Amino acid sequence: MGLSITWCAVREADAQKLLGHFELSPTGEVEEFPESSLSTAKLDTGWHIVWCNEYGSPLFKHEDLSSISSEFDLLLCLIEEHVMASSSEFWSGGERRWWISHEGEDGPNGLCFDGELPANFPTIKADMEKAQLAEGGDDAEVDYIFEIPLKVAQSLVGFKHDEDCPHMSEDQFIVLSRPRSKKGWLSRLLGN
């Protein structure tokens, strides 16, 4: 079993704006681990997480990130553990400032990056490459290169999807909902 998710982080001061932008509202339900389609968590690092149990969630369409990030900074992570794909990217001022991606189809290769990367990127990259070599390099049964985009994101906001997070307020996720479409079933079926 593996996760297939998208999560984003915004500064706590901008969390309500982001939730409002997507018409997301808390249901009152909480989860220790986010199993619902959409959930959110506040971190004591000053960041707020929105978790989507879908890789490449349509909430965060690439073409919309420019307008969203013109209002506030946004850190976006995509994780598809079934094929060992991961990425992180930071948007600010309406532009993508940096991007790191790992496509695991070919094993622990395929790291791509661009932009004004965080200062700790070279250290994280070197540490994960060293760990990969220690496990057997390309022939290892583990892919440490997959971790690079996620560890860079974690270093900035204090959250990683597959680790206990001491920064979470109340150690829980709040389940979110979106309003249902008011269109009838025929309109939805025909795409109107």
C-alpha atoms as a PDB file:
ATOM      1  CA  MET A   1       0.000   0.000   0.000  1.00  0.00           C
ATOM      2  CA  GLY A   2       1.192   3.508  -0.735  1.00  0.00           C
ATOM      3  CA  LEU A   3      -0.135   7.008  -0.503  1.00  0.00           C
ATOM      4  CA  SER A   4      -1.232   9.105  -3.442  1.00  0.00           C
ATOM      5  CA  ILE A   5      -1.672  12.652  -2.128  1.00  0.00           C
ATOM      6  CA  THR A   6      -1.285  16.363  -2.616  1.00  0.00           C
ATOM      7  CA  TRP A   7      -0.687  18.701   0.283  1.00  0.00           C
ATOM      8  CA  CYS A   8      -0.018  22.384   0.405  1.00  0.00           C
ATOM      9  CA  ALA A   9       1.079  24.765   3.095  1.00  0.00           C
ATOM     10  CA  VAL A  10       0.286  28.434   3.534  1.00  0.00           C
ATOM     11  CA  ARG A  11       1.198  30.722   6.364  1.00  0.00           C
ATOM     12  CA  GLU A  12      -1.343  30.579   9.177  1.00  0.00           C
ATOM     13  CA  ALA A  13      -2.368  34.194   8.571  1.00  0.00           C
ATOM     14  CA  ASP A  14      -3.460  33.200   5.033  1.00  0.00           C
ATOM     15  CA  ALA A  15      -5.146  29.879   5.836  1.00  0.00           C
ATOM     16  CA  GLN A  16      -8.701  31.239   5.878  1.00  0.00           C
ATOM     17  CA  LYS A  17      -8.130  32.994   2.537  1.00  0.00           C
ATOM     18  CA  LEU A  18      -6.986  29.735   0.948  1.00  0.00           C
ATOM     19  CA  LEU A  19      -9.886  27.763   2.404  1.00  0.00           C
ATOM     20  CA  GLY A  20     -12.285  30.484   1.258  1.00  0.00           C
ATOM     21  CA  HIS A  21     -10.789  30.484  -2.228  1.00  0.00           C
ATOM     22  CA  PHE A  22     -11.658  26.786  -2.582  1.00  0.00           C
ATOM     23  CA  GLU A  23     -14.949  27.126  -0.669  1.00  0.00           C
ATOM     24  CA  LEU A  24     -13.680  24.637   1.914  1.00  0.00           C
ATOM     25  CA  SER A  25     -15.187  24.562   5.361  1.00  0.00           C
ATOM     26  CA  PRO A  26     -14.571  22.441   8.464  1.00  0.00           C
ATOM     27  CA  THR A  27     -17.117  19.677   9.096  1.00  0.00           C
ATOM     28  CA  GLY A  28     -16.431  19.405  12.817  1.00  0.00           C
ATOM     29  CA  GLU A  29     -14.972  15.916  12.338  1.00  0.00           C
ATOM     30  CA  VAL A  30     -11.344  15.250  13.240  1.00  0.00           C
ATOM     31  CA  GLU A  31      -8.907  12.512  12.258  1.00  0.00           C
ATOM     32  CA  GLU A  32      -5.576  11.487  13.699  1.00  0.00           C
ATOM     33  CA  PHE A  33      -4.476  10.511  10.176  1.00  0.00           C
ATOM     34  CA  PRO A  34      -6.122  12.221   7.182  1.00  0.00           C
ATOM     35  CA  GLU A  35      -8.280   9.529   5.577  1.00  0.00           C
ATOM     36  CA  SER A  36     -11.002  11.844   4.270  1.00  0.00           C
ATOM     37  CA  SER A  37     -10.763  13.400   0.815  1.00  0.00           C
ATOM     38  CA  LEU A  38      -9.852  16.826   2.218  1.00  0.00           C
ATOM     39  CA  SER A  39      -8.533  17.882   5.598  1.00  0.00           C
ATOM     40  CA  THR A  40      -6.459  20.574   7.224  1.00  0.00           C
ATOM     41  CA  ALA A  41      -4.070  20.987  10.142  1.00  0.00           C
ATOM     42  CA  LYS A  42      -2.479  23.931  11.891  1.00  0.00           C
ATOM     43  CA  LEU A  43       1.234  23.786  12.673  1.00  0.00           C
ATOM     44  CA  ASP A  44       3.010  25.663  15.450  1.00  0.00           C
ATOM     45  CA  THR A  45       5.655  26.668  12.887  1.00  0.00           C
ATOM     46  CA  GLY A  46       3.308  29.342  11.542  1.00  0.00           C
ATOM     47  CA  TRP A  47       2.125  27.222   8.601  1.00  0.00           C
ATOM     48  CA  HIS A  48      -1.208  25.586   7.829  1.00  0.00           C
ATOM     49  CA  ILE A  49      -1.576  22.345   5.823  1.00  0.00           C
ATOM     50  CA  VAL A  50      -4.368  21.407   3.404  1.00  0.00           C
ATOM     51  CA  TRP A  51      -4.247  17.657   2.631  1.00  0.00           C
ATOM     52  CA  CYS A  52      -5.929  16.087  -0.420  1.00  0.00           C
ATOM     53  CA  ASN A  53      -6.076  12.318  -0.771  1.00  0.00           C
ATOM     54  CA  GLU A  54      -5.448  12.551  -4.495  1.00  0.00           C
ATOM     55  CA  TYR A  55      -2.208  12.913  -6.416  1.00  0.00           C
ATOM     56  CA  GLY A  56      -2.363  16.041  -8.560  1.00  0.00           C
ATOM     57  CA  SER A  57      -5.528  17.262  -6.838  1.00  0.00           C
ATOM     58  CA  PRO A  58      -7.667  19.420  -9.143  1.00  0.00           C
ATOM     59  CA  LEU A  59      -7.824  21.976  -6.342  1.00  0.00           C
ATOM     60  CA  PHE A  60      -4.250  22.949  -7.153  1.00  0.00           C
ATOM     61  CA  LYS A  61      -4.272  23.214 -10.918  1.00  0.00           C
ATOM     62  CA  HIS A  62      -0.966  24.470 -12.204  1.00  0.00           C
ATOM     63  CA  GLU A  63      -2.667  27.222 -14.194  1.00  0.00           C
ATOM     64  CA  ASP A  64      -4.377  28.537 -11.017  1.00  0.00           C
ATOM     65  CA  LEU A  65      -1.308  28.615  -8.778  1.00  0.00           C
ATOM     66  CA  SER A  66      -0.109  31.889 -10.251  1.00  0.00           C
ATOM     67  CA  SER A  67      -3.270  33.762  -9.273  1.00  0.00           C
ATOM     68  CA  ILE A  68      -3.500  32.066  -5.869  1.00  0.00           C
ATOM     69  CA  SER A  69       0.136  32.823  -5.052  1.00  0.00           C
ATOM     70  CA  SER A  70      -0.260  36.454  -6.053  1.00  0.00           C
ATOM     71  CA  GLU A  71      -2.188  36.823  -2.776  1.00  0.00           C
ATOM     72  CA  PHE A  72      -0.002  34.653  -0.527  1.00  0.00           C
ATOM     73  CA  ASP A  73       2.941  32.227  -0.493  1.00  0.00           C
ATOM     74  CA  LEU A  74       2.155  28.592  -1.188  1.00  0.00           C
ATOM     75  CA  LEU A  75       4.264  25.445  -0.827  1.00  0.00           C
ATOM     76  CA  LEU A  76       2.872  22.483  -2.785  1.00  0.00           C
ATOM     77  CA  CYS A  77       3.879  18.810  -2.480  1.00  0.00           C
ATOM     78  CA  LEU A  78       2.750  15.861  -4.580  1.00  0.00           C
ATOM     79  CA  ILE A  79       3.471  12.296  -3.500  1.00  0.00           C
ATOM     80  CA  GLU A  80       2.727   9.092  -5.430  1.00  0.00           C
ATOM     81  CA  GLU A  81       4.329   6.296  -3.459  1.00  0.00           C
ATOM     82  CA  HIS A  82       3.152   3.551  -5.856  1.00  0.00           C
ATOM     83  CA  VAL A  83       5.675   4.758  -8.464  1.00  0.00           C
ATOM     84  CA  MET A  84       7.966   6.653  -6.065  1.00  0.00           C
ATOM     85  CA  ALA A  85       7.229  10.090  -7.531  1.00  0.00           C
ATOM     86  CA  SER A  86       7.504  13.201  -5.391  1.00  0.00           C
ATOM     87  CA  SER A  87       7.735  16.920  -5.929  1.00  0.00           C
ATOM     88  CA  SER A  88       7.706  20.173  -4.037  1.00  0.00           C
ATOM     89  CA  GLU A  89       7.409  23.707  -5.329  1.00  0.00           C
ATOM     90  CA  PHE A  90       7.179  27.140  -3.806  1.00  0.00           C
ATOM     91  CA  TRP A  91       5.007  29.905  -5.255  1.00  0.00           C
ATOM     92  CA  SER A  92       5.153  33.568  -4.252  1.00  0.00           C
ATOM     93  CA  GLY A  93       4.154  36.839  -5.878  1.00  0.00           C
ATOM     94  CA  GLY A  94       2.304  35.006  -8.643  1.00  0.00           C
ATOM     95  CA  GLU A  95       5.362  33.033  -9.757  1.00  0.00           C
ATOM     96  CA  ARG A  96       6.878  29.640  -9.100  1.00  0.00           C
ATOM     97  CA  ARG A  97      10.124  30.459  -7.292  1.00  0.00           C
ATOM     98  CA  TRP A  98      11.517  26.920  -7.212  1.00  0.00           C
ATOM     99  CA  TRP A  99      10.636  23.344  -8.043  1.00  0.00           C
ATOM    100  CA  ILE A 100      12.111  19.929  -7.171  1.00  0.00           C
ATOM    101  CA  SER A 101      10.808  16.699  -8.675  1.00  0.00           C
ATOM    102  CA  HIS A 102      11.703  13.024  -8.542  1.00  0.00           C
ATOM    103  CA  GLU A 103      10.186  10.488 -10.920  1.00  0.00           C
ATOM    104  CA  GLY A 104      10.990   7.028  -9.572  1.00  0.00           C
ATOM    105  CA  GLU A 105      10.125   4.956 -12.639  1.00  0.00           C
ATOM    106  CA  ASP A 106      13.812   4.364 -13.316  1.00  0.00           C
ATOM    107  CA  GLY A 107      14.819   3.766  -9.717  1.00  0.00           C
ATOM    108  CA  PRO A 108      16.730   6.325  -7.685  1.00  0.00           C
ATOM    109  CA  ASN A 109      17.431   8.614 -10.633  1.00  0.00           C
ATOM    110  CA  GLY A 110      15.408  11.335 -12.236  1.00  0.00           C
ATOM    111  CA  LEU A 111      15.835  14.262  -9.865  1.00  0.00           C
ATOM    112  CA  CYS A 112      15.017  17.567 -11.559  1.00  0.00           C
ATOM    113  CA  PHE A 113      15.057  21.038 -10.030  1.00  0.00           C
ATOM    114  CA  ASP A 114      14.844  24.641 -11.047  1.00  0.00           C
ATOM    115  CA  GLY A 115      14.712  28.135  -9.601  1.00  0.00           C
ATOM    116  CA  GLU A 116      15.983  29.829  -6.466  1.00  0.00           C
ATOM    117  CA  LEU A 117      16.262  26.699  -4.327  1.00  0.00           C
ATOM    118  CA  PRO A 118      16.358  26.910  -0.514  1.00  0.00           C
ATOM    119  CA  ALA A 119      19.855  27.214   0.922  1.00  0.00           C
ATOM    120  CA  ASN A 120      19.704  23.750   2.503  1.00  0.00           C
ATOM    121  CA  PHE A 121      18.887  21.956  -0.779  1.00  0.00           C
ATOM    122  CA  PRO A 122      22.524  20.999  -1.555  1.00  0.00           C
ATOM    123  CA  THR A 123      23.001  19.515   1.928  1.00  0.00           C
ATOM    124  CA  ILE A 124      19.755  17.515   1.809  1.00  0.00           C
ATOM    125  CA  LYS A 125      20.568  16.318  -1.711  1.00  0.00           C
ATOM    126  CA  ALA A 126      24.084  15.236  -0.704  1.00  0.00           C
ATOM    127  CA  ASP A 127      22.811  13.438   2.423  1.00  0.00           C
ATOM    128  CA  MET A 128      20.181  11.482   0.476  1.00  0.00           C
ATOM    129  CA  GLU A 129      22.622  10.613  -2.325  1.00  0.00           C
ATOM    130  CA  LYS A 130      25.096   9.351   0.301  1.00  0.00           C
ATOM    131  CA  ALA A 131      22.355   7.233   1.918  1.00  0.00           C
ATOM    132  CA  GLN A 132      21.421   5.860  -1.521  1.00  0.00           C
ATOM    133  CA  LEU A 133      24.998   4.828  -2.224  1.00  0.00           C
ATOM    134  CA  ALA A 134      25.294   3.185   1.198  1.00  0.00           C
ATOM    135  CA  GLU A 135      22.237   1.039   0.379  1.00  0.00           C
ATOM    136  CA  GLY A 136      23.608  -0.093  -2.996  1.00  0.00           C
ATOM    137  CA  GLY A 137      23.085   2.880  -5.309  1.00  0.00           C
ATOM    138  CA  ASP A 138      20.833   2.204  -8.291  1.00  0.00           C
ATOM    139  CA  ASP A 139      20.425  -1.446  -7.264  1.00  0.00           C
ATOM    140  CA  ALA A 140      19.125  -0.657  -3.771  1.00  0.00           C
ATOM    141  CA  GLU A 141      15.627  -1.685  -2.784  1.00  0.00           C
ATOM    142  CA  VAL A 142      15.035   1.773  -1.325  1.00  0.00           C
ATOM    143  CA  ASP A 143      14.867   5.127  -3.085  1.00  0.00           C
ATOM    144  CA  TYR A 144      16.325   7.894  -0.931  1.00  0.00           C
ATOM    145  CA  ILE A 145      16.253  10.355  -3.831  1.00  0.00           C
ATOM    146  CA  PHE A 146      12.432  10.278  -3.545  1.00  0.00           C
ATOM    147  CA  GLU A 147      12.871  11.967  -0.162  1.00  0.00           C
ATOM    148  CA  ILE A 148      14.737  15.054  -1.425  1.00  0.00           C
ATOM    149  CA  PRO A 149      11.733  17.205  -2.486  1.00  0.00           C
ATOM    150  CA  LEU A 150       9.852  16.178   0.666  1.00  0.00           C
ATOM    151  CA  LYS A 151      12.703  16.847   3.087  1.00  0.00           C
ATOM    152  CA  VAL A 152      13.278  20.285   1.586  1.00  0.00           C
ATOM    153  CA  ALA A 153       9.576  21.090   2.101  1.00  0.00           C
ATOM    154  CA  GLN A 154       9.731  19.687   5.631  1.00  0.00           C
ATOM    155  CA  SER A 155      12.701  21.887   6.471  1.00  0.00           C
ATOM    156  CA  LEU A 156      10.632  24.956   5.571  1.00  0.00           C
ATOM    157  CA  VAL A 157       7.253  24.208   7.170  1.00  0.00           C
ATOM    158  CA  GLY A 158       7.959  21.421   9.682  1.00  0.00           C
ATOM    159  CA  PHE A 159       5.718  18.770   8.079  1.00  0.00           C
ATOM    160  CA  LYS A 160       6.292  15.531   6.167  1.00  0.00           C
ATOM    161  CA  HIS A 161       3.404  13.309   5.145  1.00  0.00           C
ATOM    162  CA  ASP A 162       4.824  10.034   6.464  1.00  0.00           C
ATOM    163  CA  GLU A 163       6.328  11.119   9.778  1.00  0.00           C
ATOM    164  CA  ASP A 164       4.887  12.018  13.143  1.00  0.00           C
ATOM    165  CA  CYS A 165       4.680  15.782  13.266  1.00  0.00           C
ATOM    166  CA  PRO A 166       5.434  17.345  16.647  1.00  0.00           C
ATOM    167  CA  HIS A 167       4.355  20.703  15.219  1.00  0.00           C
ATOM    168  CA  MET A 168       0.696  19.803  14.662  1.00  0.00           C
ATOM    169  CA  SER A 169      -1.743  21.615  16.902  1.00  0.00           C
ATOM    170  CA  GLU A 170      -3.761  19.071  18.870  1.00  0.00           C
ATOM    171  CA  ASP A 171      -2.254  16.188  16.827  1.00  0.00           C
ATOM    172  CA  GLN A 172      -5.233  16.023  14.502  1.00  0.00           C
ATOM    173  CA  PHE A 173      -6.544  16.908  11.086  1.00  0.00           C
ATOM    174  CA  ILE A 174      -9.866  18.667  10.659  1.00  0.00           C
ATOM    175  CA  VAL A 175     -12.028  17.195   7.899  1.00  0.00           C
ATOM    176  CA  LEU A 176     -13.079  19.702   5.230  1.00  0.00           C
ATOM    177  CA  SER A 177     -16.040  19.776   2.879  1.00  0.00           C
ATOM    178  CA  ARG A 178     -16.932  21.631  -0.299  1.00  0.00           C
ATOM    179  CA  PRO A 179     -20.433  22.753  -1.235  1.00  0.00           C
ATOM    180  CA  ARG A 180     -22.234  20.396  -3.553  1.00  0.00           C
ATOM    181  CA  SER A 181     -23.057  21.616  -7.015  1.00  0.00           C
ATOM    182  CA  LYS A 182     -26.555  23.000  -7.361  1.00  0.00           C
ATOM    183  CA  LYS A 183     -26.789  21.693 -10.923  1.00  0.00           C
ATOM    184  CA  GLY A 184     -29.057  18.792 -11.648  1.00  0.00           C
ATOM    185  CA  TRP A 185     -27.713  15.386 -12.553  1.00  0.00           C
ATOM    186  CA  LEU A 186     -28.434  15.891 -16.273  1.00  0.00           C
ATOM    187  CA  SER A 187     -26.473  19.181 -16.352  1.00  0.00           C
ATOM    188  CA  ARG A 188     -23.544  17.543 -14.574  1.00  0.00           C
ATOM    189  CA  LEU A 189     -23.696  14.560 -16.927  1.00  0.00           C
ATOM    190  CA  LEU A 190     -23.652  16.799 -20.014  1.00  0.00           C
ATOM    191  CA  GLY A 191     -20.983  19.054 -18.531  1.00  0.00           C
ATOM    192  CA  ASN A 192     -23.181  22.152 -18.466  1.00  0.00           C
END
